[in-house]
Structures are given as structure tokens and as C-alpha cells.
PDB file of N, CA and C in Angstrom:
ATOM      1  N   MET A   1      23.282 115.599  93.487  1.00  0.00           N
ATOM      2  CA  MET A   1      23.264 114.873  94.743  1.00  0.00           C
ATOM      3  C   MET A   1      22.567 115.753  95.792  1.00  0.00           C
ATOM      4  N   HIS A   2      21.565 115.206  96.449  1.00  0.00           N
ATOM      5  CA  HIS A   2      20.824 115.952  97.474  1.00  0.00           C
ATOM      6  C   HIS A   2      21.479 115.750  98.842  1.00  0.00           C
ATOM      7  N   ILE A   3      21.984 116.830  99.414  1.00  0.00           N
ATOM      8  CA  ILE A   3      22.610 116.786 100.737  1.00  0.00           C
ATOM      9  C   ILE A   3      21.539 117.110 101.783  1.00  0.00           C
ATOM     10  N   ASP A   4      21.385 116.223 102.764  1.00  0.00           N
ATOM     11  CA  ASP A   4      20.367 116.428 103.797  1.00  0.00           C
ATOM     12  C   ASP A   4      20.854 117.324 104.934  1.00  0.00           C
ATOM     13  N   LYS A   5      22.149 117.284 105.207  1.00  0.00           N
ATOM     14  CA  LYS A   5      22.707 118.088 106.296  1.00  0.00           C
ATOM     15  C   LYS A   5      24.151 118.402 105.958  1.00  0.00           C
ATOM     16  N   GLU A   6      24.584 119.615 106.326  1.00  0.00           N
ATOM     17  CA  GLU A   6      25.973 120.017 106.073  1.00  0.00           C
ATOM     18  C   GLU A   6      26.551 120.612 107.353  1.00  0.00           C
ATOM     19  N   ILE A   7      27.789 120.217 107.658  1.00  0.00           N
ATOM     20  CA  ILE A   7      28.469 120.807 108.805  1.00  0.00           C
ATOM     21  C   ILE A   7      29.826 121.352 108.371  1.00  0.00           C
ATOM     22  N   ASP A   8      30.207 122.447 109.011  1.00  0.00           N
ATOM     23  CA  ASP A   8      31.456 123.130 108.697  1.00  0.00           C
ATOM     24  C   ASP A   8      32.441 122.861 109.836  1.00  0.00           C
ATOM     25  N   THR A   9      33.518 122.144 109.520  1.00  0.00           N
ATOM     26  CA  THR A   9      34.541 121.864 110.533  1.00  0.00           C
ATOM     27  C   THR A   9      35.873 122.493 110.137  1.00  0.00           C
ATOM     28  N   LYS A  10      35.809 123.520 109.288  1.00  0.00           N
ATOM     29  CA  LYS A  10      37.036 124.193 108.846  1.00  0.00           C
ATOM     30  C   LYS A  10      37.769 124.763 110.058  1.00  0.00           C
ATOM     31  N   GLY A  11      39.090 124.574 110.065  1.00  0.00           N
ATOM     32  CA  GLY A  11      39.919 125.085 111.147  1.00  0.00           C
ATOM     33  C   GLY A  11      40.021 124.150 112.344  1.00  0.00           C
ATOM     34  N   LEU A  12      39.235 123.082 112.349  1.00  0.00           N
ATOM     35  CA  LEU A  12      39.271 122.118 113.450  1.00  0.00           C
ATOM     36  C   LEU A  12      40.174 120.950 113.078  1.00  0.00           C
ATOM     37  N   ASN A  13      40.941 120.478 114.035  1.00  0.00           N
ATOM     38  CA  ASN A  13      41.827 119.347 113.802  1.00  0.00           C
ATOM     39  C   ASN A  13      41.254 118.089 114.443  1.00  0.00           C
ATOM     40  N   CYS A  14      41.800 116.963 114.027  1.00  0.00           N
ATOM     41  CA  CYS A  14      41.414 115.657 114.547  1.00  0.00           C
ATOM     42  C   CYS A  14      41.422 115.687 116.071  1.00  0.00           C
ATOM     43  N   PRO A  15      40.440 115.133 116.730  1.00  0.00           N
ATOM     44  CA  PRO A  15      39.328 114.329 116.221  1.00  0.00           C
ATOM     45  C   PRO A  15      38.026 115.116 116.066  1.00  0.00           C
ATOM     46  N   LEU A  16      38.075 116.442 116.155  1.00  0.00           N
ATOM     47  CA  LEU A  16      36.834 117.224 116.146  1.00  0.00           C
ATOM     48  C   LEU A  16      35.958 117.053 114.904  1.00  0.00           C
ATOM     49  N   PRO A  17      36.507 117.035 113.670  1.00  0.00           N
ATOM     50  CA  PRO A  17      35.614 116.821 112.524  1.00  0.00           C
ATOM     51  C   PRO A  17      34.853 115.492 112.610  1.00  0.00           C
ATOM     52  N   ILE A  18      35.511 114.439 113.065  1.00  0.00           N
ATOM     53  CA  ILE A  18      34.857 113.133 113.204  1.00  0.00           C
ATOM     54  C   ILE A  18      33.788 113.189 114.297  1.00  0.00           C
ATOM     55  N   LEU A  19      34.106 113.801 115.414  1.00  0.00           N
ATOM     56  CA  LEU A  19      33.139 113.889 116.509  1.00  0.00           C
ATOM     57  C   LEU A  19      31.900 114.684 116.103  1.00  0.00           C
ATOM     58  N   ARG A  20      32.098 115.765 115.373  1.00  0.00           N
ATOM     59  CA  ARG A  20      30.951 116.567 114.901  1.00  0.00           C
ATOM     60  C   ARG A  20      30.118 115.776 113.899  1.00  0.00           C
ATOM     61  N   ALA A  21      30.794 115.020 113.021  1.00  0.00           N
ATOM     62  CA  ALA A  21      30.073 114.198 112.042  1.00  0.00           C
ATOM     63  C   ALA A  21      29.277 113.111 112.752  1.00  0.00           C
ATOM     64  N   LYS A  22      29.888 112.481 113.728  1.00  0.00           N
ATOM     65  CA  LYS A  22      29.212 111.410 114.474  1.00  0.00           C
ATOM     66  C   LYS A  22      27.950 111.944 115.143  1.00  0.00           C
ATOM     67  N   LYS A  23      28.061 113.112 115.745  1.00  0.00           N
ATOM     68  CA  LYS A  23      26.911 113.729 116.409  1.00  0.00           C
ATOM     69  C   LYS A  23      25.813 114.070 115.393  1.00  0.00           C
ATOM     70  N   ALA A  24      26.204 114.622 114.249  1.00  0.00           N
ATOM     71  CA  ALA A  24      25.236 114.982 113.211  1.00  0.00           C
ATOM     72  C   ALA A  24      24.512 113.750 112.669  1.00  0.00           C
ATOM     73  N   LEU A  25      25.246 112.658 112.496  1.00  0.00           N
ATOM     74  CA  LEU A  25      24.652 111.434 111.945  1.00  0.00           C
ATOM     75  C   LEU A  25      23.600 110.835 112.879  1.00  0.00           C
ATOM     76  N   THR A  26      23.735 111.042 114.182  1.00  0.00           N
ATOM     77  CA  THR A  26      22.753 110.462 115.119  1.00  0.00           C
ATOM     78  C   THR A  26      21.376 111.074 114.939  1.00  0.00           C
ATOM     79  N   ASP A  27      21.300 112.301 114.409  1.00  0.00           N
ATOM     80  CA  ASP A  27      20.023 112.979 114.196  1.00  0.00           C
ATOM     81  C   ASP A  27      19.458 112.737 112.802  1.00  0.00           C
ATOM     82  N   MET A  28      20.115 111.895 112.024  1.00  0.00           N
ATOM     83  CA  MET A  28      19.708 111.686 110.635  1.00  0.00           C
ATOM     84  C   MET A  28      19.065 110.315 110.450  1.00  0.00           C
ATOM     85  N   LEU A  29      18.307 110.192 109.355  1.00  0.00           N
ATOM     86  CA  LEU A  29      17.646 108.928 109.027  1.00  0.00           C
ATOM     87  C   LEU A  29      18.528 108.090 108.109  1.00  0.00           C
ATOM     88  N   THR A  30      18.294 106.796 108.100  1.00  0.00           N
ATOM     89  CA  THR A  30      19.021 105.883 107.227  1.00  0.00           C
ATOM     90  C   THR A  30      18.933 106.360 105.780  1.00  0.00           C
ATOM     91  N   GLY A  31      20.082 106.388 105.116  1.00  0.00           N
ATOM     92  CA  GLY A  31      20.131 106.768 103.702  1.00  0.00           C
ATOM     93  C   GLY A  31      20.351 108.247 103.447  1.00  0.00           C
ATOM     94  N   GLN A  32      20.198 109.081 104.474  1.00  0.00           N
ATOM     95  CA  GLN A  32      20.410 110.509 104.277  1.00  0.00           C
ATOM     96  C   GLN A  32      21.901 110.811 104.129  1.00  0.00           C
ATOM     97  N   LEU A  33      22.199 111.933 103.445  1.00  0.00           N
ATOM     98  CA  LEU A  33      23.581 112.312 103.174  1.00  0.00           C
ATOM     99  C   LEU A  33      24.028 113.481 104.051  1.00  0.00           C
ATOM    100  N   LEU A  34      25.230 113.328 104.604  1.00  0.00           N
ATOM    101  CA  LEU A  34      25.873 114.362 105.420  1.00  0.00           C
ATOM    102  C   LEU A  34      27.102 114.857 104.688  1.00  0.00           C
ATOM    103  N   LYS A  35      27.202 116.172 104.534  1.00  0.00           N
ATOM    104  CA  LYS A  35      28.380 116.792 103.924  1.00  0.00           C
ATOM    105  C   LYS A  35      29.188 117.446 105.034  1.00  0.00           C
ATOM    106  N   VAL A  36      30.468 117.094 105.111  1.00  0.00           N
ATOM    107  CA  VAL A  36      31.369 117.670 106.104  1.00  0.00           C
ATOM    108  C   VAL A  36      32.472 118.411 105.351  1.00  0.00           C
ATOM    109  N   VAL A  37      32.618 119.705 105.646  1.00  0.00           N
ATOM    110  CA  VAL A  37      33.674 120.500 105.026  1.00  0.00           C
ATOM    111  C   VAL A  37      34.770 120.688 106.072  1.00  0.00           C
ATOM    112  N   ALA A  38      35.983 120.257 105.727  1.00  0.00           N
ATOM    113  CA  ALA A  38      37.106 120.291 106.669  1.00  0.00           C
ATOM    114  C   ALA A  38      38.325 120.917 105.999  1.00  0.00           C
ATOM    115  N   THR A  39      39.310 121.279 106.829  1.00  0.00           N
ATOM    116  CA  THR A  39      40.579 121.788 106.298  1.00  0.00           C
ATOM    117  C   THR A  39      41.758 120.943 106.783  1.00  0.00           C
ATOM    118  N   ASP A  40      41.519 120.032 107.717  1.00  0.00           N
ATOM    119  CA  ASP A  40      42.580 119.179 108.263  1.00  0.00           C
ATOM    120  C   ASP A  40      42.921 118.088 107.247  1.00  0.00           C
ATOM    121  N   PRO A  41      44.160 118.084 106.698  1.00  0.00           N
ATOM    122  CA  PRO A  41      44.534 117.063 105.711  1.00  0.00           C
ATOM    123  C   PRO A  41      44.385 115.640 106.253  1.00  0.00           C
ATOM    124  N   GLY A  42      44.557 115.465 107.559  1.00  0.00           N
ATOM    125  CA  GLY A  42      44.411 114.142 108.158  1.00  0.00           C
ATOM    126  C   GLY A  42      42.982 113.633 108.162  1.00  0.00           C
ATOM    127  N   SER A  43      42.031 114.530 107.879  1.00  0.00           N
ATOM    128  CA  SER A  43      40.625 114.112 107.886  1.00  0.00           C
ATOM    129  C   SER A  43      40.309 113.121 106.764  1.00  0.00           C
ATOM    130  N   VAL A  44      41.118 113.116 105.705  1.00  0.00           N
ATOM    131  CA  VAL A  44      40.869 112.184 104.594  1.00  0.00           C
ATOM    132  C   VAL A  44      40.931 110.747 105.106  1.00  0.00           C
ATOM    133  N   ARG A  45      42.027 110.388 105.730  1.00  0.00           N
ATOM    134  CA  ARG A  45      42.136 109.009 106.227  1.00  0.00           C
ATOM    135  C   ARG A  45      41.252 108.783 107.462  1.00  0.00           C
ATOM    136  N   ASP A  46      41.032 109.840 108.257  1.00  0.00           N
ATOM    137  CA  ASP A  46      40.159 109.710 109.427  1.00  0.00           C
ATOM    138  C   ASP A  46      38.743 109.327 109.009  1.00  0.00           C
ATOM    139  N   PHE A  47      38.211 109.983 107.983  1.00  0.00           N
ATOM    140  CA  PHE A  47      36.852 109.674 107.538  1.00  0.00           C
ATOM    141  C   PHE A  47      36.777 108.307 106.861  1.00  0.00           C
ATOM    142  N   GLN A  48      37.844 107.886 106.196  1.00  0.00           N
ATOM    143  CA  GLN A  48      37.872 106.540 105.611  1.00  0.00           C
ATOM    144  C   GLN A  48      37.780 105.496 106.719  1.00  0.00           C
ATOM    145  N   ALA A  49      38.553 105.677 107.775  1.00  0.00           N
ATOM    146  CA  ALA A  49      38.530 104.740 108.910  1.00  0.00           C
ATOM    147  C   ALA A  49      37.195 104.800 109.634  1.00  0.00           C
ATOM    148  N   PHE A  50      36.656 105.995 109.815  1.00  0.00           N
ATOM    149  CA  PHE A  50      35.362 106.174 110.482  1.00  0.00           C
ATOM    150  C   PHE A  50      34.262 105.413 109.738  1.00  0.00           C
ATOM    151  N   ALA A  51      34.256 105.521 108.416  1.00  0.00           N
ATOM    152  CA  ALA A  51      33.239 104.832 107.611  1.00  0.00           C
ATOM    153  C   ALA A  51      33.376 103.315 107.761  1.00  0.00           C
ATOM    154  N   ARG A  52      34.601 102.809 107.710  1.00  0.00           N
ATOM    155  CA  ARG A  52      34.818 101.360 107.872  1.00  0.00           C
ATOM    156  C   ARG A  52      34.337 100.890 109.241  1.00  0.00           C
ATOM    157  N   GLN A  53      34.658 101.645 110.274  1.00  0.00           N
ATOM    158  CA  GLN A  53      34.353 101.221 111.644  1.00  0.00           C
ATOM    159  C   GLN A  53      32.871 101.342 111.990  1.00  0.00           C
ATOM    160  N   THR A  54      32.169 102.302 111.392  1.00  0.00           N
ATOM    161  CA  THR A  54      30.772 102.543 111.774  1.00  0.00           C
ATOM    162  C   THR A  54      29.756 101.955 110.812  1.00  0.00           C
ATOM    163  N   GLY A  55      30.178 101.587 109.609  1.00  0.00           N
ATOM    164  CA  GLY A  55      29.241 101.052 108.625  1.00  0.00           C
ATOM    165  C   GLY A  55      28.534 102.132 107.821  1.00  0.00           C
ATOM    166  N   ASN A  56      28.828 103.410 108.101  1.00  0.00           N
ATOM    167  CA  ASN A  56      28.297 104.485 107.268  1.00  0.00           C
ATOM    168  C   ASN A  56      29.106 104.507 105.972  1.00  0.00           C
ATOM    169  N   GLU A  57      28.448 104.800 104.858  1.00  0.00           N
ATOM    170  CA  GLU A  57      29.122 104.770 103.557  1.00  0.00           C
ATOM    171  C   GLU A  57      29.789 106.106 103.273  1.00  0.00           C
ATOM    172  N   LEU A  58      31.071 106.072 102.935  1.00  0.00           N
ATOM    173  CA  LEU A  58      31.787 107.266 102.492  1.00  0.00           C
ATOM    174  C   LEU A  58      31.541 107.376 100.989  1.00  0.00           C
ATOM    175  N   VAL A  59      30.621 108.236 100.623  1.00  0.00           N
ATOM    176  CA  VAL A  59      30.182 108.351  99.230  1.00  0.00           C
ATOM    177  C   VAL A  59      31.222 109.075  98.381  1.00  0.00           C
ATOM    178  N   GLU A  60      31.832 110.107  98.966  1.00  0.00           N
ATOM    179  CA  GLU A  60      32.753 110.931  98.179  1.00  0.00           C
ATOM    180  C   GLU A  60      33.712 111.681  99.096  1.00  0.00           C
ATOM    181  N   GLN A  61      34.922 111.881  98.607  1.00  0.00           N
ATOM    182  CA  GLN A  61      35.894 112.779  99.242  1.00  0.00           C
ATOM    183  C   GLN A  61      36.492 113.602  98.122  1.00  0.00           C
ATOM    184  N   GLN A  62      36.549 114.910  98.344  1.00  0.00           N
ATOM    185  CA  GLN A  62      37.006 115.788  97.274  1.00  0.00           C
ATOM    186  C   GLN A  62      37.807 116.946  97.859  1.00  0.00           C
ATOM    187  N   GLN A  63      38.945 117.222  97.263  1.00  0.00           N
ATOM    188  CA  GLN A  63      39.781 118.361  97.664  1.00  0.00           C
ATOM    189  C   GLN A  63      39.390 119.550  96.801  1.00  0.00           C
ATOM    190  N   LEU A  64      38.963 120.640  97.444  1.00  0.00           N
ATOM    191  CA  LEU A  64      38.601 121.865  96.729  1.00  0.00           C
ATOM    192  C   LEU A  64      39.436 123.006  97.308  1.00  0.00           C
ATOM    193  N   GLY A  65      40.586 123.241  96.709  1.00  0.00           N
ATOM    194  CA  GLY A  65      41.496 124.249  97.256  1.00  0.00           C
ATOM    195  C   GLY A  65      42.001 123.803  98.614  1.00  0.00           C
ATOM    196  N   ASP A  66      41.788 124.631  99.634  1.00  0.00           N
ATOM    197  CA  ASP A  66      42.210 124.298 100.995  1.00  0.00           C
ATOM    198  C   ASP A  66      41.198 123.419 101.716  1.00  0.00           C
ATOM    199  N   GLU A  67      40.024 123.262 101.123  1.00  0.00           N
ATOM    200  CA  GLU A  67      38.946 122.523 101.786  1.00  0.00           C
ATOM    201  C   GLU A  67      38.851 121.085 101.280  1.00  0.00           C
ATOM    202  N   ILE A  68      38.476 120.214 102.192  1.00  0.00           N
ATOM    203  CA  ILE A  68      38.243 118.817 101.857  1.00  0.00           C
ATOM    204  C   ILE A  68      36.772 118.544 102.176  1.00  0.00           C
ATOM    205  N   VAL A  69      36.062 118.027 101.185  1.00  0.00           N
ATOM    206  CA  VAL A  69      34.634 117.738 101.349  1.00  0.00           C
ATOM    207  C   VAL A  69      34.456 116.227 101.477  1.00  0.00           C
ATOM    208  N   HIS A  70      33.797 115.829 102.550  1.00  0.00           N
ATOM    209  CA  HIS A  70      33.488 114.426 102.796  1.00  0.00           C
ATOM    210  C   HIS A  70      31.975 114.285 102.751  1.00  0.00           C
ATOM    211  N   ILE A  71      31.490 113.277 102.027  1.00  0.00           N
ATOM    212  CA  ILE A  71      30.052 113.027 102.007  1.00  0.00           C
ATOM    213  C   ILE A  71      29.812 111.605 102.498  1.00  0.00           C
ATOM    214  N   LEU A  72      29.002 111.507 103.541  1.00  0.00           N
ATOM    215  CA  LEU A  72      28.682 110.227 104.180  1.00  0.00           C
ATOM    216  C   LEU A  72      27.203 109.924 104.032  1.00  0.00           C
ATOM    217  N   ARG A  73      26.894 108.651 103.805  1.00  0.00           N
ATOM    218  CA  ARG A  73      25.499 108.196 103.780  1.00  0.00           C
ATOM    219  C   ARG A  73      25.235 107.458 105.095  1.00  0.00           C
ATOM    220  N   ARG A  74      24.213 107.917 105.801  1.00  0.00           N
ATOM    221  CA  ARG A  74      23.848 107.312 107.098  1.00  0.00           C
ATOM    222  C   ARG A  74      23.431 105.868 106.898  1.00  0.00           C
ATOM    223  N   ARG A  75      23.984 104.973 107.742  1.00  0.00           N
ATOM    224  CA  ARG A  75      23.630 103.558 107.624  1.00  0.00           C
ATOM    225  C   ARG A  75      22.264 103.293 108.211  1.00  0.00           C
TER     226      ARG A  75
END
């Protein structure tokens, strides 16, 4: 999977990971992939809701130790 942009939101709590992702997505083209690395357990449901509300596709969510990786496709 080719990631076009990656942001690190480790140590940040809601709503900062979502706000950083939203800002990153505005600079991206349709179809590009954004990888967000977070540590906030609440980010799992936050990113699910964010994808539903914005129309961006939540391609993958994965727990890797203490980190949660979210991959979004820009609408």
C-alpha cells in the first residue's frame, strides 16, 4: 500500500488527532492515502465517525502495540 502522507499524533488526545488529519487531508488530492499514527484508544471510534461524516474512506485501522494506525483515502 502506497502512503502519500503520514502524520504522527502519538501522545495527543481527542480531538487533536482528528484535527491534524483534517488539516492534512485538505492538502491532498482525491484518492491519496493518509496514515495517522495515534496512541489515544478513543481515536478508533473517532476516526470511524470522522470517515462517515466527511465521506473520506477509512481504509484500515490497526493496533500495533501501544499505537493505533488509521489509514484514510481522500475523497
